[in-house]
Amino acid sequence: MLQKKFNLPGKSPALSAEFYTGWLTHWGEKVAYTDADFTAAELDKILSRNGSAVLYMVHGGTNFGFYNGANTGLNESDYKPDLTSYDYDAPIKESGDIDNSKFRALRSVLERYSAASLPPIPPNPEKARYGDVLLRRVETLFDGIEQIGNAVRSSKPLAMESVGQMFGFLLYASKYTTKDEGSTLFIPKV
């Protein structure tokens, strides 16, 4: 009730809490791209009505390890893992680069509504070349599975949180005896 009291029409600011400057990309998909002029025009609509916007994402980043997350697609079993890159087609790229049309278009809109002049645009950060990286196979993930974590035994599958795993993946393994005529394993909604 208290929240509604302060959010009555005319009592709260117009706010786009997540104004998407781009979109995420799932494994196997073409890298997501949103048009710079379209994005800038939509931001201009909000600001021209004295609204506010939080640019999501203003700066691309990286999800290290297993923090990348995933979504479902057409149904619950349509698993779509996100790339570890969180560049998001943001105006400030994952690399820190700002020399791009989206940065310039959004800056132009922000400049029109800013009471103070904006600072000069810095150059893109310098990049270093590390040369070739030689990789060689040492073992597979399953070869070293015992070294990664402790096994939890249970008569039924457990939720990640119940075994103290707050992100990433769990490996479920089971042993069963087949029948002479064969067996079919069916797991819905995985």
N, C-alpha and C. Protein backbone atom coordinates (compact mmCIF):
# COMPACT_ATOMS: atom_id res chain seq x y z
N MET A 1 0.82 -1.19 0.00
CA MET A 1 0.00 0.00 0.00
C MET A 1 0.86 1.26 0.00
N LEU A 2 1.94 1.25 0.78
CA LEU A 2 2.79 2.42 0.86
C LEU A 2 3.39 2.75 -0.51
N GLN A 3 3.84 1.71 -1.24
CA GLN A 3 4.42 1.93 -2.56
C GLN A 3 3.39 2.57 -3.49
N LYS A 4 2.16 2.10 -3.46
CA LYS A 4 1.11 2.65 -4.32
C LYS A 4 0.84 4.12 -3.98
N LYS A 5 0.95 4.47 -2.71
CA LYS A 5 0.73 5.86 -2.28
C LYS A 5 1.70 6.81 -2.98
N PHE A 6 2.96 6.36 -3.11
CA PHE A 6 3.98 7.22 -3.71
C PHE A 6 4.03 7.10 -5.24
N ASN A 7 3.38 6.09 -5.80
CA ASN A 7 3.40 5.90 -7.25
C ASN A 7 2.09 6.31 -7.92
N LEU A 8 1.29 7.10 -7.26
CA LEU A 8 0.07 7.59 -7.88
C LEU A 8 0.42 8.43 -9.10
N PRO A 9 -0.45 8.49 -10.10
CA PRO A 9 -0.16 9.33 -11.27
C PRO A 9 0.20 10.75 -10.84
N GLY A 10 1.29 11.26 -11.38
CA GLY A 10 1.76 12.58 -11.03
C GLY A 10 2.60 12.64 -9.77
N LYS A 11 2.71 11.53 -9.05
CA LYS A 11 3.46 11.50 -7.79
C LYS A 11 4.81 10.79 -7.91
N SER A 12 5.10 10.23 -9.05
CA SER A 12 6.37 9.53 -9.22
C SER A 12 6.95 9.86 -10.59
N PRO A 13 8.26 9.81 -10.69
CA PRO A 13 8.89 10.16 -11.97
C PRO A 13 8.69 9.05 -13.01
N ALA A 14 8.67 9.46 -14.25
CA ALA A 14 8.64 8.47 -15.34
C ALA A 14 10.04 7.88 -15.45
N LEU A 15 10.14 6.58 -15.34
CA LEU A 15 11.44 5.93 -15.31
C LEU A 15 11.40 4.64 -16.10
N SER A 16 12.34 4.48 -17.01
CA SER A 16 12.59 3.20 -17.66
C SER A 16 13.76 2.58 -16.92
N ALA A 17 13.47 1.66 -16.01
CA ALA A 17 14.50 1.09 -15.14
C ALA A 17 15.49 0.21 -15.90
N GLU A 18 15.08 -0.33 -17.04
CA GLU A 18 15.98 -1.12 -17.87
C GLU A 18 15.74 -0.75 -19.33
N PHE A 19 16.37 0.32 -19.77
CA PHE A 19 16.30 0.73 -21.17
C PHE A 19 17.35 -0.06 -21.92
N TYR A 20 16.92 -1.03 -22.70
CA TYR A 20 17.85 -1.95 -23.37
C TYR A 20 18.56 -1.26 -24.53
N THR A 21 19.88 -1.18 -24.43
CA THR A 21 20.69 -0.62 -25.52
C THR A 21 21.05 -1.71 -26.52
N GLY A 22 20.81 -2.95 -26.17
CA GLY A 22 21.13 -4.09 -27.02
C GLY A 22 20.45 -5.31 -26.45
N TRP A 23 21.03 -6.46 -26.74
CA TRP A 23 20.43 -7.70 -26.25
C TRP A 23 21.50 -8.76 -26.13
N LEU A 24 21.23 -9.76 -25.30
CA LEU A 24 22.17 -10.84 -25.09
C LEU A 24 22.18 -11.80 -26.28
N THR A 25 23.18 -12.64 -26.33
CA THR A 25 23.30 -13.63 -27.39
C THR A 25 23.44 -15.01 -26.76
N HIS A 26 22.71 -15.97 -27.30
CA HIS A 26 22.82 -17.36 -26.84
C HIS A 26 23.82 -18.10 -27.72
N TRP A 27 24.37 -19.17 -27.19
CA TRP A 27 25.28 -20.02 -27.96
C TRP A 27 24.59 -20.42 -29.26
N GLY A 28 25.34 -20.32 -30.36
CA GLY A 28 24.84 -20.77 -31.66
C GLY A 28 24.02 -19.73 -32.40
N GLU A 29 23.71 -18.61 -31.78
CA GLU A 29 22.94 -17.56 -32.44
C GLU A 29 23.87 -16.54 -33.07
N LYS A 30 23.34 -15.82 -34.04
CA LYS A 30 24.06 -14.69 -34.60
C LYS A 30 24.15 -13.63 -33.49
N VAL A 31 25.28 -12.94 -33.38
CA VAL A 31 25.46 -11.93 -32.33
C VAL A 31 24.38 -10.86 -32.45
N ALA A 32 23.72 -10.57 -31.34
CA ALA A 32 22.61 -9.62 -31.32
C ALA A 32 23.09 -8.20 -31.66
N TYR A 33 22.29 -7.49 -32.40
CA TYR A 33 22.61 -6.13 -32.80
C TYR A 33 21.33 -5.31 -32.80
N THR A 34 21.38 -4.11 -32.23
CA THR A 34 20.25 -3.18 -32.31
C THR A 34 20.74 -1.89 -32.97
N ASP A 35 19.91 -1.33 -33.81
CA ASP A 35 20.27 -0.15 -34.58
C ASP A 35 20.52 1.06 -33.68
N ALA A 36 21.63 1.76 -33.93
CA ALA A 36 22.03 2.92 -33.12
C ALA A 36 20.99 4.04 -33.20
N ASP A 37 20.52 4.35 -34.40
CA ASP A 37 19.56 5.46 -34.55
C ASP A 37 18.22 5.12 -33.90
N PHE A 38 17.78 3.88 -34.03
CA PHE A 38 16.53 3.46 -33.39
C PHE A 38 16.65 3.57 -31.87
N THR A 39 17.75 3.06 -31.32
CA THR A 39 17.97 3.10 -29.87
C THR A 39 17.99 4.54 -29.37
N ALA A 40 18.69 5.41 -30.09
CA ALA A 40 18.79 6.83 -29.70
C ALA A 40 17.41 7.50 -29.78
N ALA A 41 16.63 7.19 -30.81
CA ALA A 41 15.29 7.79 -30.96
C ALA A 41 14.37 7.38 -29.82
N GLU A 42 14.47 6.12 -29.39
CA GLU A 42 13.64 5.65 -28.27
C GLU A 42 14.05 6.33 -26.96
N LEU A 43 15.34 6.51 -26.75
CA LEU A 43 15.79 7.23 -25.56
C LEU A 43 15.31 8.67 -25.60
N ASP A 44 15.37 9.28 -26.76
CA ASP A 44 14.91 10.66 -26.93
C ASP A 44 13.43 10.79 -26.57
N LYS A 45 12.61 9.81 -26.92
CA LYS A 45 11.18 9.84 -26.57
C LYS A 45 10.99 9.91 -25.06
N ILE A 46 11.77 9.13 -24.34
CA ILE A 46 11.65 9.11 -22.87
C ILE A 46 12.09 10.45 -22.28
N LEU A 47 13.25 10.93 -22.70
CA LEU A 47 13.80 12.17 -22.13
C LEU A 47 12.97 13.39 -22.53
N SER A 48 12.37 13.37 -23.72
CA SER A 48 11.56 14.51 -24.16
C SER A 48 10.29 14.67 -23.34
N ARG A 49 9.91 13.62 -22.64
CA ARG A 49 8.74 13.67 -21.75
C ARG A 49 9.16 13.86 -20.29
N ASN A 50 10.37 14.34 -20.09
CA ASN A 50 10.93 14.57 -18.77
C ASN A 50 11.08 13.26 -17.98
N GLY A 51 11.29 12.16 -18.69
CA GLY A 51 11.49 10.88 -18.06
C GLY A 51 12.96 10.61 -17.82
N SER A 52 13.23 9.52 -17.15
CA SER A 52 14.60 9.09 -16.88
C SER A 52 14.77 7.66 -17.39
N ALA A 53 16.00 7.29 -17.65
CA ALA A 53 16.27 5.94 -18.13
C ALA A 53 17.59 5.43 -17.57
N VAL A 54 17.60 4.16 -17.22
CA VAL A 54 18.82 3.47 -16.84
C VAL A 54 19.23 2.65 -18.06
N LEU A 55 20.39 2.95 -18.63
CA LEU A 55 20.84 2.25 -19.83
C LEU A 55 21.36 0.87 -19.46
N TYR A 56 20.69 -0.14 -19.99
CA TYR A 56 21.04 -1.53 -19.68
C TYR A 56 21.33 -2.25 -20.98
N MET A 57 22.51 -2.47 -21.27
CA MET A 57 23.78 -2.21 -20.62
C MET A 57 24.38 -0.95 -21.25
N VAL A 58 25.02 -0.13 -20.43
CA VAL A 58 25.76 1.00 -20.97
C VAL A 58 27.18 0.55 -21.30
N HIS A 59 27.68 -0.44 -20.56
CA HIS A 59 29.03 -0.96 -20.77
C HIS A 59 28.97 -2.48 -20.81
N GLY A 60 29.42 -3.06 -21.90
CA GLY A 60 29.47 -4.51 -21.99
C GLY A 60 30.49 -5.09 -21.04
N GLY A 61 30.38 -6.34 -20.77
CA GLY A 61 31.30 -6.98 -19.83
C GLY A 61 31.46 -8.45 -20.13
N THR A 62 31.96 -9.17 -19.16
CA THR A 62 32.20 -10.60 -19.31
C THR A 62 31.67 -11.32 -18.08
N ASN A 63 31.00 -12.44 -18.30
CA ASN A 63 30.57 -13.32 -17.22
C ASN A 63 31.59 -14.44 -17.12
N PHE A 64 32.49 -14.35 -16.16
CA PHE A 64 33.52 -15.35 -16.03
C PHE A 64 32.97 -16.63 -15.41
N GLY A 65 33.64 -17.72 -15.67
CA GLY A 65 33.25 -19.01 -15.10
C GLY A 65 31.87 -19.42 -15.56
N PHE A 66 31.03 -19.81 -14.63
CA PHE A 66 29.68 -20.28 -14.96
C PHE A 66 28.61 -19.25 -14.59
N TYR A 67 28.97 -17.97 -14.59
CA TYR A 67 28.01 -16.94 -14.24
C TYR A 67 27.19 -16.45 -15.44
N ASN A 68 27.37 -17.05 -16.61
CA ASN A 68 26.72 -16.54 -17.81
C ASN A 68 25.21 -16.72 -17.81
N GLY A 69 24.68 -17.72 -17.19
CA GLY A 69 23.24 -17.92 -17.14
C GLY A 69 22.69 -18.54 -18.41
N ALA A 70 21.37 -18.65 -18.46
CA ALA A 70 20.68 -19.24 -19.60
C ALA A 70 19.22 -18.82 -19.56
N ASN A 71 18.55 -19.07 -20.65
CA ASN A 71 17.13 -18.80 -20.76
C ASN A 71 16.46 -20.05 -21.32
N THR A 72 15.14 -20.06 -21.29
CA THR A 72 14.41 -21.09 -22.01
C THR A 72 13.79 -20.45 -23.23
N GLY A 73 13.59 -21.24 -24.24
CA GLY A 73 13.04 -20.74 -25.49
C GLY A 73 11.57 -21.05 -25.64
N LEU A 74 11.24 -21.89 -26.61
CA LEU A 74 9.84 -22.18 -26.93
C LEU A 74 9.12 -22.89 -25.79
N ASN A 75 9.84 -23.68 -25.01
CA ASN A 75 9.23 -24.37 -23.87
C ASN A 75 10.31 -24.60 -22.81
N GLU A 76 9.94 -25.23 -21.70
CA GLU A 76 10.86 -25.39 -20.57
C GLU A 76 12.09 -26.23 -20.90
N SER A 77 12.00 -27.11 -21.88
CA SER A 77 13.15 -27.96 -22.19
C SER A 77 14.02 -27.37 -23.31
N ASP A 78 13.68 -26.18 -23.80
CA ASP A 78 14.48 -25.50 -24.83
C ASP A 78 15.52 -24.65 -24.13
N TYR A 79 16.65 -25.27 -23.76
CA TYR A 79 17.71 -24.63 -22.97
C TYR A 79 18.58 -23.77 -23.87
N LYS A 80 18.74 -22.49 -23.54
CA LYS A 80 19.51 -21.56 -24.35
C LYS A 80 20.58 -20.88 -23.47
N PRO A 81 21.79 -21.47 -23.42
CA PRO A 81 22.84 -20.86 -22.60
C PRO A 81 23.34 -19.55 -23.22
N ASP A 82 23.58 -18.56 -22.37
CA ASP A 82 24.10 -17.27 -22.81
C ASP A 82 25.61 -17.36 -23.01
N LEU A 83 26.11 -16.55 -23.93
CA LEU A 83 27.56 -16.46 -24.10
C LEU A 83 28.19 -15.88 -22.84
N THR A 84 29.45 -16.19 -22.60
CA THR A 84 30.12 -15.58 -21.46
C THR A 84 30.40 -14.11 -21.71
N SER A 85 30.41 -13.70 -22.98
CA SER A 85 30.53 -12.28 -23.30
C SER A 85 29.21 -11.60 -22.97
N TYR A 86 29.28 -10.50 -22.28
CA TYR A 86 28.07 -9.72 -21.98
C TYR A 86 28.21 -8.37 -22.66
N ASP A 87 28.72 -8.38 -23.89
CA ASP A 87 28.90 -7.14 -24.64
C ASP A 87 27.56 -6.46 -24.88
N TYR A 88 26.54 -7.27 -25.17
CA TYR A 88 25.15 -6.79 -25.23
C TYR A 88 24.93 -5.74 -26.31
N ASP A 89 25.87 -5.60 -27.25
CA ASP A 89 25.81 -4.53 -28.25
C ASP A 89 25.68 -3.18 -27.53
N ALA A 90 26.36 -3.04 -26.41
CA ALA A 90 26.31 -1.83 -25.59
C ALA A 90 27.08 -0.70 -26.25
N PRO A 91 26.75 0.57 -25.91
CA PRO A 91 27.48 1.70 -26.49
C PRO A 91 28.96 1.72 -26.08
N ILE A 92 29.27 1.25 -24.89
CA ILE A 92 30.67 1.06 -24.49
C ILE A 92 30.90 -0.44 -24.55
N LYS A 93 31.75 -0.86 -25.44
CA LYS A 93 31.93 -2.28 -25.72
C LYS A 93 32.63 -3.01 -24.58
N GLU A 94 32.56 -4.31 -24.62
CA GLU A 94 33.21 -5.15 -23.62
C GLU A 94 34.69 -4.79 -23.50
N SER A 95 35.30 -4.42 -24.60
CA SER A 95 36.72 -4.06 -24.63
C SER A 95 36.98 -2.64 -24.13
N GLY A 96 35.90 -1.88 -23.87
CA GLY A 96 36.04 -0.48 -23.47
C GLY A 96 35.98 0.48 -24.64
N ASP A 97 35.87 -0.02 -25.86
CA ASP A 97 35.81 0.84 -27.04
C ASP A 97 34.53 1.66 -27.06
N ILE A 98 34.68 2.94 -27.45
CA ILE A 98 33.52 3.83 -27.57
C ILE A 98 33.41 4.45 -28.95
N ASP A 99 34.34 4.16 -29.81
CA ASP A 99 34.31 4.71 -31.16
C ASP A 99 33.36 3.89 -32.02
N ASN A 100 32.04 4.11 -31.81
CA ASN A 100 31.02 3.38 -32.55
C ASN A 100 29.76 4.23 -32.68
N SER A 101 28.92 3.88 -33.61
CA SER A 101 27.73 4.70 -33.92
C SER A 101 26.74 4.76 -32.76
N LYS A 102 26.60 3.70 -32.00
CA LYS A 102 25.63 3.71 -30.90
C LYS A 102 26.07 4.66 -29.79
N PHE A 103 27.36 4.65 -29.44
CA PHE A 103 27.86 5.57 -28.42
C PHE A 103 27.62 7.01 -28.87
N ARG A 104 27.98 7.32 -30.11
CA ARG A 104 27.81 8.69 -30.62
C ARG A 104 26.33 9.09 -30.65
N ALA A 105 25.45 8.20 -31.08
CA ALA A 105 24.02 8.53 -31.18
C ALA A 105 23.41 8.77 -29.80
N LEU A 106 23.72 7.92 -28.83
CA LEU A 106 23.18 8.09 -27.47
C LEU A 106 23.78 9.32 -26.80
N ARG A 107 25.05 9.55 -26.99
CA ARG A 107 25.70 10.75 -26.42
C ARG A 107 25.05 12.01 -26.97
N SER A 108 24.73 12.02 -28.24
CA SER A 108 24.10 13.17 -28.86
C SER A 108 22.74 13.47 -28.21
N VAL A 109 21.98 12.42 -27.93
CA VAL A 109 20.69 12.59 -27.25
C VAL A 109 20.91 13.10 -25.84
N LEU A 110 21.81 12.50 -25.10
CA LEU A 110 22.07 12.90 -23.72
C LEU A 110 22.57 14.34 -23.64
N GLU A 111 23.36 14.74 -24.61
CA GLU A 111 23.91 16.09 -24.64
C GLU A 111 22.79 17.13 -24.73
N ARG A 112 21.74 16.83 -25.49
CA ARG A 112 20.61 17.77 -25.65
C ARG A 112 19.84 17.98 -24.36
N TYR A 113 19.85 16.98 -23.47
CA TYR A 113 19.06 17.07 -22.24
C TYR A 113 19.91 17.34 -21.00
N SER A 114 21.21 17.42 -21.15
CA SER A 114 22.10 17.63 -20.01
C SER A 114 22.22 19.11 -19.68
N ALA A 115 22.11 19.44 -18.40
CA ALA A 115 22.26 20.84 -17.97
C ALA A 115 23.72 21.29 -18.05
N ALA A 116 24.64 20.34 -17.92
CA ALA A 116 26.08 20.65 -17.98
C ALA A 116 26.65 20.08 -19.27
N SER A 117 27.75 20.66 -19.72
CA SER A 117 28.38 20.12 -20.92
C SER A 117 29.05 18.79 -20.58
N LEU A 118 29.03 17.88 -21.53
CA LEU A 118 29.63 16.56 -21.31
C LEU A 118 31.14 16.64 -21.49
N PRO A 119 31.88 15.78 -20.80
CA PRO A 119 33.35 15.81 -20.94
C PRO A 119 33.76 15.34 -22.33
N PRO A 120 34.99 15.63 -22.71
CA PRO A 120 35.47 15.16 -24.02
C PRO A 120 35.47 13.63 -24.08
N ILE A 121 35.32 13.12 -25.28
CA ILE A 121 35.32 11.67 -25.48
C ILE A 121 36.76 11.16 -25.48
N PRO A 122 37.06 10.22 -24.59
CA PRO A 122 38.44 9.69 -24.57
C PRO A 122 38.65 8.72 -25.74
N PRO A 123 39.89 8.44 -26.07
CA PRO A 123 40.14 7.47 -27.15
C PRO A 123 39.82 6.05 -26.67
N ASN A 124 39.66 5.15 -27.61
CA ASN A 124 39.51 3.74 -27.25
C ASN A 124 40.76 3.29 -26.50
N PRO A 125 40.60 2.37 -25.55
CA PRO A 125 41.78 1.88 -24.84
C PRO A 125 42.74 1.15 -25.79
N GLU A 126 44.01 1.25 -25.51
CA GLU A 126 45.00 0.54 -26.32
C GLU A 126 44.88 -0.95 -26.06
N LYS A 127 45.15 -1.72 -27.09
CA LYS A 127 45.07 -3.18 -26.98
C LYS A 127 46.48 -3.75 -27.05
N ALA A 128 46.67 -4.88 -26.43
CA ALA A 128 47.96 -5.58 -26.49
C ALA A 128 47.77 -6.89 -27.24
N ARG A 129 48.77 -7.28 -27.97
CA ARG A 129 48.72 -8.58 -28.66
C ARG A 129 49.55 -9.55 -27.83
N TYR A 130 48.94 -10.66 -27.50
CA TYR A 130 49.62 -11.64 -26.67
C TYR A 130 50.30 -12.73 -27.49
N GLY A 131 50.07 -12.72 -28.78
CA GLY A 131 50.67 -13.75 -29.63
C GLY A 131 49.86 -15.03 -29.57
N ASP A 132 50.37 -16.05 -30.22
CA ASP A 132 49.67 -17.32 -30.27
C ASP A 132 49.71 -17.99 -28.90
N VAL A 133 48.65 -18.68 -28.58
CA VAL A 133 48.56 -19.45 -27.35
C VAL A 133 48.44 -20.91 -27.75
N LEU A 134 49.38 -21.71 -27.34
CA LEU A 134 49.39 -23.13 -27.68
C LEU A 134 48.61 -23.89 -26.61
N LEU A 135 47.59 -24.58 -27.03
CA LEU A 135 46.80 -25.40 -26.11
C LEU A 135 47.08 -26.86 -26.40
N ARG A 136 47.12 -27.65 -25.38
CA ARG A 136 47.23 -29.08 -25.59
C ARG A 136 46.29 -29.77 -24.62
N ARG A 137 45.71 -30.84 -25.08
CA ARG A 137 44.75 -31.57 -24.28
C ARG A 137 45.48 -32.35 -23.18
N VAL A 138 45.03 -32.14 -21.96
CA VAL A 138 45.60 -32.84 -20.82
C VAL A 138 44.66 -33.95 -20.39
N GLU A 139 43.39 -33.58 -20.21
CA GLU A 139 42.36 -34.56 -19.88
C GLU A 139 41.00 -33.94 -20.16
N THR A 140 39.99 -34.76 -20.19
CA THR A 140 38.64 -34.25 -20.40
C THR A 140 38.06 -33.82 -19.05
N LEU A 141 36.98 -33.12 -19.09
CA LEU A 141 36.29 -32.71 -17.86
C LEU A 141 35.93 -33.94 -17.02
N PHE A 142 35.46 -34.98 -17.69
CA PHE A 142 35.03 -36.17 -16.94
C PHE A 142 36.21 -36.96 -16.39
N ASP A 143 37.39 -36.84 -16.99
CA ASP A 143 38.58 -37.50 -16.45
C ASP A 143 38.93 -36.93 -15.07
N GLY A 144 38.70 -35.64 -14.89
CA GLY A 144 39.08 -34.99 -13.64
C GLY A 144 37.92 -34.63 -12.74
N ILE A 145 36.77 -35.23 -12.97
CA ILE A 145 35.56 -34.84 -12.24
C ILE A 145 35.70 -34.99 -10.73
N GLU A 146 36.42 -35.99 -10.28
CA GLU A 146 36.59 -36.21 -8.83
C GLU A 146 37.39 -35.09 -8.18
N GLN A 147 38.24 -34.42 -8.96
CA GLN A 147 39.07 -33.34 -8.42
C GLN A 147 38.30 -32.01 -8.34
N ILE A 148 37.21 -31.92 -9.05
CA ILE A 148 36.46 -30.67 -9.13
C ILE A 148 35.59 -30.43 -7.91
N GLY A 149 34.91 -31.44 -7.45
CA GLY A 149 34.00 -31.24 -6.33
C GLY A 149 33.72 -32.54 -5.61
N ASN A 150 32.93 -32.43 -4.57
CA ASN A 150 32.58 -33.60 -3.76
C ASN A 150 31.24 -34.16 -4.23
N ALA A 151 31.18 -35.46 -4.34
CA ALA A 151 29.94 -36.12 -4.75
C ALA A 151 28.94 -36.07 -3.61
N VAL A 152 27.70 -35.85 -3.97
CA VAL A 152 26.59 -35.89 -3.02
C VAL A 152 25.69 -37.04 -3.46
N ARG A 153 25.45 -37.98 -2.58
CA ARG A 153 24.62 -39.13 -2.93
C ARG A 153 23.20 -38.90 -2.44
N SER A 154 22.25 -39.22 -3.30
CA SER A 154 20.84 -39.03 -2.97
C SER A 154 20.01 -40.01 -3.79
N SER A 155 18.88 -40.42 -3.23
CA SER A 155 18.01 -41.35 -3.96
C SER A 155 17.18 -40.62 -5.02
N LYS A 156 17.18 -39.30 -5.00
CA LYS A 156 16.45 -38.51 -6.00
C LYS A 156 17.26 -37.27 -6.35
N PRO A 157 17.05 -36.68 -7.52
CA PRO A 157 17.79 -35.46 -7.89
C PRO A 157 17.51 -34.33 -6.90
N LEU A 158 18.54 -33.58 -6.58
CA LEU A 158 18.43 -32.46 -5.65
C LEU A 158 18.59 -31.14 -6.39
N ALA A 159 17.96 -30.11 -5.87
CA ALA A 159 18.12 -28.76 -6.42
C ALA A 159 19.52 -28.26 -6.10
N MET A 160 20.04 -27.40 -6.96
CA MET A 160 21.39 -26.87 -6.78
C MET A 160 21.60 -26.26 -5.40
N GLU A 161 20.64 -25.43 -5.00
CA GLU A 161 20.78 -24.70 -3.74
C GLU A 161 20.86 -25.64 -2.54
N SER A 162 20.21 -26.79 -2.62
CA SER A 162 20.20 -27.72 -1.48
C SER A 162 21.56 -28.39 -1.27
N VAL A 163 22.44 -28.33 -2.27
CA VAL A 163 23.79 -28.88 -2.10
C VAL A 163 24.83 -27.77 -2.06
N GLY A 164 24.37 -26.52 -1.88
CA GLY A 164 25.29 -25.39 -1.73
C GLY A 164 25.85 -24.87 -3.04
N GLN A 165 25.25 -25.23 -4.16
CA GLN A 165 25.72 -24.78 -5.47
C GLN A 165 24.79 -23.66 -5.94
N MET A 166 25.27 -22.42 -5.96
CA MET A 166 24.41 -21.28 -6.27
C MET A 166 24.48 -20.85 -7.73
N PHE A 167 25.39 -21.38 -8.51
CA PHE A 167 25.52 -21.03 -9.92
C PHE A 167 26.20 -22.18 -10.65
N GLY A 168 26.20 -22.13 -11.95
CA GLY A 168 26.91 -23.13 -12.74
C GLY A 168 26.06 -24.34 -13.05
N PHE A 169 26.65 -25.51 -12.93
CA PHE A 169 25.98 -26.73 -13.32
C PHE A 169 26.19 -27.81 -12.27
N LEU A 170 25.27 -28.75 -12.23
CA LEU A 170 25.44 -29.98 -11.45
C LEU A 170 25.51 -31.13 -12.44
N LEU A 171 26.30 -32.12 -12.13
CA LEU A 171 26.34 -33.33 -12.93
C LEU A 171 25.58 -34.40 -12.16
N TYR A 172 24.50 -34.88 -12.75
CA TYR A 172 23.72 -35.96 -12.16
C TYR A 172 24.15 -37.26 -12.82
N ALA A 173 24.44 -38.27 -12.03
CA ALA A 173 24.82 -39.58 -12.55
C ALA A 173 24.00 -40.64 -11.83
N SER A 174 23.69 -41.69 -12.56
CA SER A 174 22.89 -42.76 -11.97
C SER A 174 23.33 -44.09 -12.56
N LYS A 175 23.18 -45.13 -11.79
CA LYS A 175 23.45 -46.49 -12.26
C LYS A 175 22.16 -47.28 -12.13
N TYR A 176 21.86 -48.04 -13.15
CA TYR A 176 20.68 -48.89 -13.09
C TYR A 176 20.94 -50.15 -13.90
N THR A 177 20.20 -51.17 -13.58
CA THR A 177 20.33 -52.45 -14.27
C THR A 177 19.32 -52.50 -15.40
N THR A 178 19.80 -52.84 -16.58
CA THR A 178 18.89 -52.93 -17.72
C THR A 178 18.12 -54.25 -17.67
N LYS A 179 16.97 -54.23 -18.29
CA LYS A 179 16.18 -55.45 -18.42
C LYS A 179 16.64 -56.18 -19.67
N ASP A 180 16.41 -57.47 -19.73
CA ASP A 180 16.84 -58.27 -20.88
C ASP A 180 16.26 -57.73 -22.18
N GLU A 181 15.02 -57.24 -22.15
CA GLU A 181 14.38 -56.76 -23.37
C GLU A 181 14.74 -55.29 -23.67
N GLY A 182 15.60 -54.70 -22.86
CA GLY A 182 16.02 -53.31 -23.09
C GLY A 182 15.24 -52.36 -22.22
N SER A 183 15.73 -51.17 -22.10
CA SER A 183 15.10 -50.15 -21.27
C SER A 183 15.14 -48.81 -21.98
N THR A 184 14.16 -47.97 -21.73
CA THR A 184 14.13 -46.61 -22.26
C THR A 184 14.12 -45.64 -21.09
N LEU A 185 15.06 -44.75 -21.08
CA LEU A 185 15.12 -43.72 -20.06
C LEU A 185 14.47 -42.46 -20.62
N PHE A 186 13.46 -41.96 -19.93
CA PHE A 186 12.75 -40.75 -20.36
C PHE A 186 12.72 -39.76 -19.21
N ILE A 187 13.23 -38.56 -19.43
CA ILE A 187 13.22 -37.52 -18.40
C ILE A 187 12.54 -36.30 -18.99
N PRO A 188 11.31 -36.00 -18.60
CA PRO A 188 10.62 -34.82 -19.14
C PRO A 188 11.15 -33.53 -18.53
N LYS A 189 11.04 -32.45 -19.27
CA LYS A 189 11.37 -31.10 -18.80
C LYS A 189 12.80 -30.97 -18.29
N VAL A 190 13.75 -31.44 -19.03
CA VAL A 190 15.15 -31.25 -18.65
C VAL A 190 15.74 -30.17 -19.52
